[in-house]
Every structure is written in C-alpha cells, then in structure tokens.
Amino acid sequence: MEKAMHGSHGVGYEVYRHNHAVRMNVERQRQEEYVESSRIVADYSRKLMNQSM
C-alpha cells in the first residue's frame, strides 16, 4: 500500500494519514480521476451502442 500511495500520489501512507491537507488533496485527485474514467466509459459505451445500430 505504501508503494501504491507513493507511486500514485507522491506521499506515503503515514503522511496521508496524519496530514489533513495532504489527505484532502489525494481525495480530490481520486475524485477527479473517478469522474474522468466514468466519462471515458460512458463515451465508449455510447460509441459501442451507435455502432451496433
């Protein structure tokens, strides 16, 4: 988990756990990545539906 946090967000889990500002930045990044991936999936699904018609 430590390596994943460092690789994805550039901070260790202990820093994430103890520093509220860092935690909020990480969670904001996660939310933005989730929204972007949801848009990509929706776009891809729409394209597949249009091709099958």
Protein backbone atom coordinates (compact mmCIF):
# COMPACT_ATOMS: atom_id res chain seq x y z
CA MET A 1 0.00 0.00 0.00
CA GLU A 2 2.90 2.32 0.76
CA LYS A 3 4.38 1.91 -2.73
CA ALA A 4 0.99 2.45 -4.34
CA MET A 5 0.44 5.69 -2.42
CA HIS A 6 3.90 6.92 -3.35
CA GLY A 7 3.50 5.93 -6.98
CA SER A 8 0.04 7.39 -7.41
CA HIS A 9 0.14 10.45 -5.22
CA GLY A 10 3.75 11.07 -4.25
CA VAL A 11 3.18 10.72 -0.50
CA GLY A 12 3.49 7.87 1.95
CA TYR A 13 0.57 6.45 3.86
CA GLU A 14 1.75 7.87 7.18
CA VAL A 15 1.86 11.40 5.76
CA TYR A 16 -1.57 10.82 4.19
CA ARG A 17 -2.93 9.55 7.48
CA HIS A 18 -1.63 12.38 9.66
CA ASN A 19 -1.82 15.43 7.39
CA HIS A 20 -5.34 16.62 6.66
CA ALA A 21 -4.35 18.91 3.78
CA VAL A 22 -2.46 16.11 2.04
CA ARG A 23 -5.40 13.75 2.57
CA MET A 24 -7.81 16.26 1.04
CA ASN A 25 -5.53 16.73 -1.99
CA VAL A 26 -5.26 12.98 -2.52
CA GLU A 27 -9.02 12.52 -2.19
CA ARG A 28 -9.67 15.41 -4.60
CA GLN A 29 -7.31 13.78 -7.12
CA ARG A 30 -9.06 10.44 -6.68
CA GLN A 31 -12.45 12.05 -7.25
CA GLU A 32 -11.25 13.81 -10.41
CA GLU A 33 -9.76 10.56 -11.73
CA TYR A 34 -13.02 8.72 -10.97
CA VAL A 35 -15.12 11.32 -12.79
CA GLU A 36 -12.78 11.29 -15.80
CA SER A 37 -12.80 7.49 -16.00
CA SER A 38 -16.60 7.48 -15.74
CA ARG A 39 -16.78 9.90 -18.68
CA ILE A 40 -14.44 7.70 -20.73
CA VAL A 41 -16.55 4.62 -20.00
CA ALA A 42 -19.77 6.46 -20.88
CA ASP A 43 -18.28 7.76 -24.15
CA TYR A 44 -17.01 4.31 -25.07
CA SER A 45 -20.36 2.72 -24.24
CA ARG A 46 -22.18 5.29 -26.39
CA LYS A 47 -19.84 4.59 -29.31
CA LEU A 48 -20.45 0.85 -28.99
CA MET A 49 -24.22 1.38 -28.91
CA ASN A 50 -24.09 3.60 -32.00
CA GLN A 51 -22.03 1.02 -33.92
CA SER A 52 -24.47 -1.79 -33.17
CA MET A 53 -27.44 0.15 -34.57
